[in-house]
Protein backbone atom coordinates (compact mmCIF):
# COMPACT_ATOMS: atom_id res chain seq x y z
CA UNK A 1 -45.15 255.11 -37.77
CA UNK A 2 -42.88 256.17 -35.15
CA UNK A 3 -44.26 259.05 -32.38
CA UNK A 4 -43.38 261.88 -32.94
CA UNK A 5 -43.58 264.63 -29.13
CA UNK A 6 -45.80 267.20 -29.89
CA UNK A 7 -42.85 270.35 -28.69
CA UNK A 8 -41.30 268.32 -31.56
CA UNK A 9 -43.20 269.51 -34.28
CA UNK A 10 -43.25 273.12 -36.45
CA UNK A 11 -45.08 274.83 -39.26
CA UNK A 12 -41.65 273.19 -41.28
CA UNK A 13 -43.86 270.11 -41.17
CA UNK A 14 -46.65 270.84 -43.23
CA UNK A 15 -48.20 268.59 -44.98
CA UNK A 16 -46.29 265.64 -42.29
CA UNK A 17 -47.79 262.00 -41.33
CA UNK A 18 -48.06 261.99 -38.07
CA UNK A 19 -48.38 260.08 -34.78
CA UNK A 20 -49.59 261.73 -31.45
CA UNK A 21 -50.02 260.78 -27.93
CA UNK A 22 -51.23 261.69 -24.86
CA UNK A 23 -54.26 263.09 -23.04
CA UNK A 24 -57.27 264.80 -23.98
CA UNK A 25 -57.51 268.06 -22.76
CA UNK A 26 -60.18 269.75 -24.23
CA UNK A 27 -63.42 268.40 -27.07
CA UNK A 28 -65.19 270.94 -29.18
CA UNK A 29 -68.22 270.53 -31.37
CA UNK A 30 -68.96 272.32 -34.64
CA UNK A 31 -71.39 270.57 -36.08
CA UNK A 32 -69.40 269.30 -39.10
CA UNK A 33 -66.13 270.14 -37.57
CA UNK A 34 -64.77 268.75 -34.26
CA UNK A 35 -61.44 270.09 -32.29
CA UNK A 36 -59.25 268.39 -29.58
CA UNK A 37 -56.77 269.50 -27.65
CA UNK A 38 -53.90 267.04 -27.32
CA UNK A 39 -51.67 267.17 -24.46
CA UNK A 40 -49.00 265.19 -23.64
CA UNK A 41 -45.49 265.74 -21.62
CA UNK A 42 -43.99 268.35 -24.04
CA UNK A 43 -46.66 270.47 -24.98
CA UNK A 44 -50.53 270.73 -26.04
CA UNK A 45 -51.62 271.44 -29.68
CA UNK A 46 -55.11 271.53 -31.50
CA UNK A 47 -56.17 268.63 -32.79
CA UNK A 48 -59.41 268.66 -35.76
CA UNK A 49 -61.89 266.45 -37.61
CA UNK A 50 -63.70 267.34 -40.38
CA UNK A 51 -67.02 265.33 -40.87
CA UNK A 52 -66.46 264.68 -45.07
CA UNK A 53 -62.13 263.82 -44.02
CA UNK A 54 -62.87 260.89 -41.94
CA UNK A 55 -64.85 257.66 -41.04
CA UNK A 56 -67.74 258.74 -39.98
CA UNK A 57 -67.88 256.70 -37.24
CA UNK A 58 -64.40 258.00 -36.02
CA UNK A 59 -66.04 261.29 -36.25
CA UNK A 60 -69.17 260.35 -34.04
CA UNK A 61 -67.19 258.98 -31.13
CA UNK A 62 -64.98 262.22 -30.99
CA UNK A 63 -67.71 264.33 -28.88
CA UNK A 64 -68.44 261.41 -26.35
CA UNK A 65 -64.35 260.61 -25.56
CA UNK A 66 -64.61 261.18 -21.54
CA UNK A 67 -61.88 264.89 -21.13
CA UNK A 68 -58.70 263.19 -20.01
CA UNK A 69 -58.79 259.37 -21.46
CA UNK A 70 -55.52 258.41 -23.58
CA UNK A 71 -55.84 258.49 -27.48
CA UNK A 72 -53.69 258.32 -29.84
CA UNK A 73 -54.31 260.44 -33.51
CA UNK A 74 -52.94 259.87 -36.88
CA UNK A 75 -53.13 262.97 -38.79
CA UNK A 76 -51.11 265.26 -40.71
CA UNK A 77 -49.60 268.93 -40.16
CA UNK A 78 -51.77 271.87 -41.58
CA UNK A 79 -50.65 275.48 -41.26
CA UNK A 80 -53.87 277.02 -39.69
CA UNK A 81 -53.86 281.24 -38.51
CA UNK A 82 -56.32 280.50 -36.36
CA UNK A 83 -54.31 277.57 -34.36
CA UNK A 84 -52.49 278.63 -31.21
CA UNK A 85 -49.35 277.84 -32.26
CA UNK A 86 -49.88 278.62 -36.39
CA UNK A 87 -50.73 275.43 -37.23
CA UNK A 88 -52.77 272.29 -36.37
CA UNK A 89 -53.06 268.38 -37.10
CA UNK A 90 -55.72 267.27 -39.64
CA UNK A 91 -57.36 263.99 -37.84
CA UNK A 92 -57.04 260.65 -40.13
CA UNK A 93 -57.23 258.12 -37.98
CA UNK A 94 -57.90 258.14 -33.81
CA UNK A 95 -57.38 255.04 -31.35
CA UNK A 96 -58.83 255.87 -27.97
CA UNK A 97 -55.74 254.23 -25.85
CA UNK A 98 -57.64 254.25 -21.91
CA UNK A 99 -60.70 256.03 -21.36
CA UNK A 100 -61.68 257.90 -18.08
CA UNK A 101 -64.14 258.16 -15.24
CA UNK A 102 -66.40 260.82 -15.33
CA UNK A 103 -66.99 263.22 -13.53
CA UNK A 104 -63.12 264.05 -12.55
CA UNK A 105 -62.37 264.45 -8.52
CA UNK A 106 -60.85 267.59 -9.00
CA UNK A 107 -61.07 270.60 -12.42
CA UNK A 108 -57.39 269.55 -14.52
CA UNK A 109 -58.40 272.78 -16.99
CA UNK A 110 -55.40 275.71 -16.35
CA UNK A 111 -58.96 278.00 -13.84
CA UNK A 112 -58.93 275.44 -11.66
CA UNK A 113 -60.02 276.75 -8.33
CA UNK A 114 -59.62 273.17 -6.36
CA UNK A 115 -58.06 273.97 -3.21
CA UNK A 116 -54.73 271.66 -2.86
CA UNK A 117 -55.39 268.94 0.02
CA UNK A 118 -57.55 267.56 -2.45
CA UNK A 119 -55.57 268.22 -5.78
CA UNK A 120 -52.70 266.64 -3.95
CA UNK A 121 -54.95 263.95 -2.76
CA UNK A 122 -54.93 263.27 -6.58
CA UNK A 123 -51.82 264.30 -7.46
CA UNK A 124 -51.66 262.41 -10.59
CA UNK A 125 -54.47 264.44 -11.63
CA UNK A 126 -52.81 267.70 -10.38
CA UNK A 127 -49.88 267.27 -12.50
CA UNK A 128 -52.24 267.31 -15.67
CA UNK A 129 -52.12 270.70 -15.62
CA UNK A 130 -49.18 272.70 -17.33
CA UNK A 131 -48.26 274.98 -14.90
CA UNK A 132 -47.76 272.14 -12.34
CA UNK A 133 -45.69 270.18 -14.46
CA UNK A 134 -43.73 272.77 -15.09
CA UNK A 135 -42.50 272.80 -11.12
CA UNK A 136 -41.57 269.98 -11.10
CA UNK A 137 -39.90 270.07 -14.62
CA UNK A 138 -37.90 272.90 -13.18
CA UNK A 139 -37.46 271.08 -9.87
CA UNK A 140 -35.92 268.26 -12.32
CA UNK A 141 -33.34 270.73 -13.44
CA UNK A 142 -32.18 272.33 -10.73
CA UNK A 143 -31.16 269.09 -8.72
CA UNK A 144 -28.97 268.13 -11.45
CA UNK A 145 -27.83 272.04 -11.90
CA UNK A 146 -27.16 271.38 -7.86
CA UNK A 147 -25.42 268.34 -8.26
CA UNK A 148 -23.15 269.43 -11.29
CA UNK A 149 -22.27 272.44 -9.49
CA UNK A 150 -20.51 270.35 -6.15
CA UNK A 151 -19.04 268.25 -8.60
CA UNK A 152 -17.16 270.86 -9.88
CA UNK A 153 -15.93 272.02 -6.47
CA UNK A 154 -14.54 268.63 -6.20
CA UNK A 155 -17.24 267.49 -3.51
CA UNK A 156 -17.27 263.40 -3.47
CA UNK A 157 -20.89 262.71 -3.44
CA UNK A 158 -22.41 260.77 -0.05
CA UNK A 159 -25.52 258.55 0.69
CA UNK A 160 -25.90 258.56 4.10
CA UNK A 161 -28.38 256.58 6.44
CA UNK A 162 -31.53 257.78 7.24
CA UNK A 163 -33.00 255.33 10.56
CA UNK A 164 -29.95 256.38 13.05
CA UNK A 165 -29.52 255.62 16.61
CA UNK A 166 -29.96 259.19 17.77
CA UNK A 167 -28.35 262.41 16.17
CA UNK A 168 -26.56 265.22 17.77
CA UNK A 169 -29.48 267.98 17.08
CA UNK A 170 -32.37 268.69 19.50
CA UNK A 171 -34.42 265.33 20.78
CA UNK A 172 -38.20 266.64 20.81
CA UNK A 173 -38.12 266.79 16.57
CA UNK A 174 -37.01 263.08 15.94
CA UNK A 175 -38.88 260.65 14.74
CA UNK A 176 -39.20 257.47 16.86
CA UNK A 177 -39.46 253.77 15.24
CA UNK A 178 -39.44 250.82 16.44
CA UNK A 179 -36.15 249.40 14.91
CA UNK A 180 -35.68 244.52 15.75
CA UNK A 181 -36.79 245.74 19.55
CA UNK A 182 -34.26 248.46 19.96
CA UNK A 183 -35.28 252.30 20.15
CA UNK A 184 -33.97 253.66 16.84
CA UNK A 185 -35.21 256.96 14.82
CA UNK A 186 -35.48 258.73 10.98
CA UNK A 187 -32.30 261.08 10.61
CA UNK A 188 -32.95 264.99 11.45
CA UNK A 189 -29.92 265.20 9.37
CA UNK A 190 -26.27 263.99 8.04
CA UNK A 191 -24.78 266.34 10.26
CA UNK A 192 -22.48 263.79 12.22
CA UNK A 193 -21.67 261.60 9.02
CA UNK A 194 -20.82 265.20 6.75
CA UNK A 195 -18.26 265.69 9.84
CA UNK A 196 -17.10 261.97 9.79
CA UNK A 197 -16.45 261.85 5.92
CA UNK A 198 -14.74 265.42 6.27
CA UNK A 199 -12.84 264.00 8.72
CA UNK A 200 -12.79 260.32 6.97
CA UNK A 201 -10.18 262.63 4.50
CA UNK A 202 -12.44 262.92 1.78
CA UNK A 203 -12.24 266.88 2.78
CA UNK A 204 -15.36 267.61 0.45
CA UNK A 205 -18.62 266.26 0.76
CA UNK A 206 -22.71 266.95 -0.12
CA UNK A 207 -25.57 265.50 -0.24
CA UNK A 208 -29.41 265.27 -2.07
CA UNK A 209 -31.58 263.11 0.16
CA UNK A 210 -34.74 263.07 2.50
CA UNK A 211 -34.97 264.70 6.13
CA UNK A 212 -37.92 264.31 8.97
CA UNK A 213 -38.45 266.27 11.52
CA UNK A 214 -40.98 266.18 14.04
CA UNK A 215 -42.71 269.24 14.48
CA UNK A 216 -46.05 269.55 14.49
CA UNK A 217 -45.96 272.57 12.54
CA UNK A 218 -49.28 273.95 10.33
CA UNK A 219 -47.45 276.85 7.84
CA UNK A 220 -46.71 277.26 5.06
CA UNK A 221 -42.99 276.55 4.99
CA UNK A 222 -42.57 273.43 7.62
CA UNK A 223 -43.29 269.59 6.25
CA UNK A 224 -42.05 266.89 8.40
CA UNK A 225 -40.16 265.16 5.52
CA UNK A 226 -38.27 267.43 3.26
CA UNK A 227 -35.83 267.16 0.57
CA UNK A 228 -31.56 268.58 2.10
CA UNK A 229 -29.11 269.61 0.74
CA UNK A 230 -26.04 269.62 2.85
CA UNK A 231 -22.40 269.60 2.56
CA UNK A 232 -19.23 270.06 4.55
CA UNK A 233 -15.96 271.43 3.52
CA UNK A 234 -13.01 270.65 5.58
CA UNK A 235 -9.66 273.08 5.52
CA UNK A 236 -11.75 276.50 6.05
CA UNK A 237 -10.47 279.33 7.86
CA UNK A 238 -13.57 280.69 8.62
CA UNK A 239 -17.84 280.22 7.83
CA UNK A 240 -16.66 282.91 5.38
CA UNK A 241 -15.42 280.32 2.87
CA UNK A 242 -19.07 278.16 3.54
CA UNK A 243 -20.99 280.86 2.39
CA UNK A 244 -18.24 281.87 -0.63
CA UNK A 245 -19.56 278.25 -1.37
CA UNK A 246 -23.09 279.16 -1.58
CA UNK A 247 -23.33 282.59 -3.06
CA UNK A 248 -21.59 280.83 -6.22
CA UNK A 249 -24.08 277.92 -6.01
CA UNK A 250 -27.38 280.05 -6.34
CA UNK A 251 -26.38 282.39 -8.61
CA UNK A 252 -24.95 279.56 -10.62
CA UNK A 253 -28.15 277.29 -9.90
CA UNK A 254 -30.78 281.20 -11.34
CA UNK A 255 -28.27 281.64 -13.76
CA UNK A 256 -28.67 277.82 -15.51
CA UNK A 257 -32.16 278.14 -14.53
CA UNK A 258 -32.49 281.35 -16.12
CA UNK A 259 -31.10 280.12 -19.37
CA UNK A 260 -32.20 276.51 -19.77
CA UNK A 261 -35.57 276.97 -17.81
CA UNK A 262 -37.38 279.56 -20.35
CA UNK A 263 -40.76 277.69 -21.33
CA UNK A 264 -41.18 276.82 -17.52
CA UNK A 265 -40.50 280.04 -16.24
CA UNK A 266 -42.75 281.90 -18.82
CA UNK A 267 -45.62 279.33 -18.09
CA UNK A 268 -45.09 280.13 -14.31
CA UNK A 269 -44.81 283.66 -15.06
CA UNK A 270 -41.47 283.61 -13.57
CA UNK A 271 -38.63 286.35 -13.73
CA UNK A 272 -35.45 284.76 -12.04
CA UNK A 273 -33.22 287.16 -10.67
CA UNK A 274 -28.98 286.54 -10.73
CA UNK A 275 -27.84 288.30 -7.46
CA UNK A 276 -24.25 290.28 -8.37
CA UNK A 277 -22.92 289.39 -4.67
CA UNK A 278 -24.94 288.02 -1.96
CA UNK A 279 -24.33 291.02 1.04
CA UNK A 280 -23.89 289.41 4.78
CA UNK A 281 -24.65 291.05 8.08
CA UNK A 282 -24.59 290.27 11.72
CA UNK A 283 -27.66 289.44 13.37
CA UNK A 284 -27.55 292.89 15.54
CA UNK A 285 -27.24 294.25 12.07
CA UNK A 286 -30.82 293.02 11.05
CA UNK A 287 -32.12 293.97 14.76
CA UNK A 288 -30.91 297.60 13.89
CA UNK A 289 -32.41 297.91 10.46
CA UNK A 290 -35.28 295.86 11.12
CA UNK A 291 -35.94 298.47 14.59
CA UNK A 292 -36.25 301.14 12.45
CA UNK A 293 -39.04 299.69 10.79
CA UNK A 294 -41.23 299.29 14.42
CA UNK A 295 -39.99 295.70 14.50
CA UNK A 296 -37.73 294.89 17.46
CA UNK A 297 -36.22 291.23 17.67
CA UNK A 298 -34.73 290.38 21.46
CA UNK A 299 -31.48 290.54 21.99
CA UNK A 300 -31.14 285.97 22.79
CA UNK A 301 -34.00 286.09 20.30
CA UNK A 302 -33.81 284.76 16.54
CA UNK A 303 -35.97 286.93 13.79
CA UNK A 304 -39.34 285.47 13.84
CA UNK A 305 -41.47 284.75 10.22
CA UNK A 306 -42.72 288.22 10.27
CA UNK A 307 -39.65 289.78 10.73
CA UNK A 308 -37.43 287.89 8.30
CA UNK A 309 -40.04 288.51 5.62
CA UNK A 310 -39.97 292.38 6.87
CA UNK A 311 -35.50 291.88 6.02
CA UNK A 312 -36.43 290.32 3.55
CA UNK A 313 -38.44 293.92 2.24
CA UNK A 314 -35.42 295.48 3.49
CA UNK A 315 -32.68 294.07 1.81
CA UNK A 316 -34.25 294.10 -1.57
CA UNK A 317 -35.02 297.98 -1.31
CA UNK A 318 -31.39 298.49 0.40
CA UNK A 319 -28.82 296.11 -1.79
CA UNK A 320 -31.05 294.90 -4.97
CA UNK A 321 -30.82 291.52 -3.55
CA UNK A 322 -33.28 288.88 -3.03
CA UNK A 323 -30.67 286.78 -0.37
CA UNK A 324 -28.86 287.62 2.55
CA UNK A 325 -26.83 286.16 4.93
CA UNK A 326 -27.42 286.85 8.62
CA UNK A 327 -24.35 285.83 10.53
CA UNK A 328 -23.41 285.36 14.22
CA UNK A 329 -26.19 284.08 16.33
CA UNK A 330 -26.11 283.90 19.59
CA UNK A 331 -24.88 280.77 21.63
CA UNK A 332 -28.03 279.60 22.99
CA UNK A 333 -30.17 279.37 19.71
CA UNK A 334 -27.13 277.25 17.92
CA UNK A 335 -26.17 273.74 18.40
CA UNK A 336 -22.88 272.70 20.83
CA UNK A 337 -20.61 272.14 17.56
CA UNK A 338 -21.09 275.65 16.69
CA UNK A 339 -17.42 276.94 16.80
CA UNK A 340 -17.37 280.58 18.62
CA UNK A 341 -15.12 283.52 18.03
CA UNK A 342 -11.89 283.89 19.91
CA UNK A 343 -13.31 287.93 20.85
CA UNK A 344 -17.02 287.72 21.22
CA UNK A 345 -17.73 283.45 23.30
CA UNK A 346 -21.80 284.95 22.91
CA UNK A 347 -22.01 284.01 19.46
CA UNK A 348 -21.41 281.54 16.73
CA UNK A 349 -19.08 281.67 13.70
CA UNK A 350 -22.48 281.08 11.85
CA UNK A 351 -25.39 282.07 9.75
CA UNK A 352 -28.81 282.11 7.78
CA UNK A 353 -29.78 283.10 4.43
CA UNK A 354 -32.88 283.99 3.86
CA UNK A 355 -34.44 284.08 -0.04
CA UNK A 356 -36.92 286.66 -0.50
CA UNK A 357 -37.82 287.04 2.96
CA UNK A 358 -37.33 283.22 4.47
CA UNK A 359 -34.92 281.17 4.99
CA UNK A 360 -33.19 278.17 2.96
CA UNK A 361 -30.37 277.70 4.67
CA UNK A 362 -28.33 277.45 8.41
CA UNK A 363 -24.67 277.08 8.52
CA UNK A 364 -21.33 277.77 10.13
CA UNK A 365 -17.61 276.99 11.26
CA UNK A 366 -17.44 273.98 13.41
CA UNK A 367 -15.86 273.37 16.50
CA UNK A 368 -13.14 270.33 15.59
CA UNK A 369 -11.54 270.49 18.86
CA UNK A 370 -12.22 267.67 21.14
CA UNK A 371 -11.71 269.38 24.39
CA UNK A 372 -13.78 272.95 23.49
CA UNK A 373 -16.21 270.70 21.62
CA UNK A 374 -16.54 268.28 24.55
CA UNK A 375 -16.60 272.26 27.07
CA UNK A 376 -19.27 273.20 24.79
CA UNK A 377 -21.51 270.55 24.47
CA UNK A 378 -20.99 270.56 29.01
CA UNK A 379 -22.42 273.73 28.77
CA UNK A 380 -25.96 272.09 26.95
CA UNK A 381 -26.28 270.36 29.41
CA UNK A 382 -24.93 267.49 27.24
CA UNK A 383 -21.88 264.33 27.83
CA UNK A 384 -19.76 263.88 24.30
CA UNK A 385 -17.93 261.15 25.88
CA UNK A 386 -21.63 259.11 25.42
CA UNK A 387 -22.32 260.09 22.22
CA UNK A 388 -20.55 257.34 20.98
CA UNK A 389 -19.05 257.35 17.15
CA UNK A 390 -19.50 260.93 17.26
CA UNK A 391 -16.95 262.33 19.99
CA UNK A 392 -14.68 259.47 18.40
CA UNK A 393 -14.55 260.95 15.21
CA UNK A 394 -12.87 264.07 16.59
CA UNK A 395 -9.63 262.02 18.51
CA UNK A 396 -7.74 261.15 15.56
CA UNK A 397 -7.19 264.46 13.70
CA UNK A 398 -9.65 266.47 12.38
CA UNK A 399 -8.92 269.27 10.70
CA UNK A 400 -10.66 272.81 10.90
CA UNK A 401 -13.85 272.51 8.57
CA UNK A 402 -17.52 273.99 8.33
CA UNK A 403 -21.01 273.41 6.19
CA UNK A 404 -24.52 273.96 5.76
CA UNK A 405 -27.81 272.73 4.92
CA UNK A 406 -30.00 273.83 2.32
CA UNK A 407 -34.28 273.27 2.46
CA UNK A 408 -34.25 271.75 -1.67
CA UNK A 409 -38.19 273.02 -1.45
CA UNK A 410 -38.16 275.97 -0.32
CA UNK A 411 -35.29 277.26 -2.57
CA UNK A 412 -38.10 275.90 -5.53
CA UNK A 413 -41.15 277.62 -3.47
CA UNK A 414 -38.76 280.61 -3.59
CA UNK A 415 -37.44 280.50 -7.20
CA UNK A 416 -40.65 279.39 -9.04
CA UNK A 417 -42.83 282.73 -6.45
CA UNK A 418 -44.79 279.55 -4.57
CA UNK A 419 -47.59 280.58 -1.83
CA UNK A 420 -46.95 277.41 -0.26
CA UNK A 421 -43.65 274.90 0.19
CA UNK A 422 -46.29 271.90 -0.71
CA UNK A 423 -46.41 273.13 -4.23
CA UNK A 424 -42.99 272.46 -4.66
CA UNK A 425 -43.27 268.48 -3.51
CA UNK A 426 -44.77 265.65 -5.34
CA UNK A 427 -46.38 263.58 -2.35
CA UNK A 428 -45.70 266.17 0.44
CA UNK A 429 -45.43 264.56 4.19
CA UNK A 430 -46.54 266.88 7.22
CA UNK A 431 -48.72 266.36 11.00
CA UNK A 432 -51.72 265.26 9.11
CA UNK A 433 -50.80 263.89 5.83
CA UNK A 434 -49.92 260.54 5.28
CA UNK A 435 -51.48 259.12 1.94
CA UNK A 436 -51.26 258.75 -0.63
């Protein structure tokens, strides 16, 4: 008999013979009747064994099956007012494919109080809890929605090296590795390569890939390895073109999640709000809004996490939006390759995107004019001509361009209202965690 997935079964299948396979999540023995709650990747179902309807040896072994063992059940669909689904499976035959050890190292019930560090040690068991696996089913679909959006906008998917000779970001945040006797680094971002391939003539490129940051941070939002969504686009007018793409992307993704992830959202008790348009305010305007609430941000400083959280609350109240673009960050807080507006050389044509009070993206128009770029690098104490191939890509015809990087893991965290970004990653890496 061909296996059926639990989610495929309905009341209309009454009296139909079925074969189901999965993990045992619960067993209840009530004298002459025993119940097994069986779970597969799609759903769970109550299965019932009546002592006078099946072989005695099968009935007797049910109560001895350890929780989380893998079994297969042959039986018939029977309508039942007492069953959660309105129907259950009447067991005719049962086979234990793999017995689980007991006790389990973590609690796999929906009411589990096991702490996150222990759960991550046994992540494969943790995912047997339906609401945990739901997070990663949503994440998988979001990955595809993002790719679909960029493809629809004529972006080209690229894959860039994760072992590099150096980057254009802060050297203090790089992981150094031994590369056959040479010093190399894990990539902090695909920034260099994004710009390279825009200027190669591809014009619009994107990558969804791993990014490494040697930040010894112990927060609910920082990791040493995370998944970045990076894109770069040529022939833009200014940074607003980049923000337009992100605005469209987030609305498209949220709309798709709302429509196509309904079972997971219901399980996670999450309501998705799709913004009409993401508001855009300057950093100076953000400072004024924060100051009215008693939070003062120094002129040349970025908002700290507390300020971002407060700003998220202010924007929600003022604009009814979970998102806000904050623009025109000071030169001191941005890389040398961010373009400066003609009328204000103290700031950059850059932005951050906050989602429910947490920064999920940074972007800008890049400086494409070689001599200007060289001067801006010098102002930061950097000799552009010593940056090898990065300097070269601006010498042979470079178009106006810009782009952004978004934190995929943070997007999932904020979208699903997760307390810790580690909940949004299968196997997170932080300063302490290197296994599994």
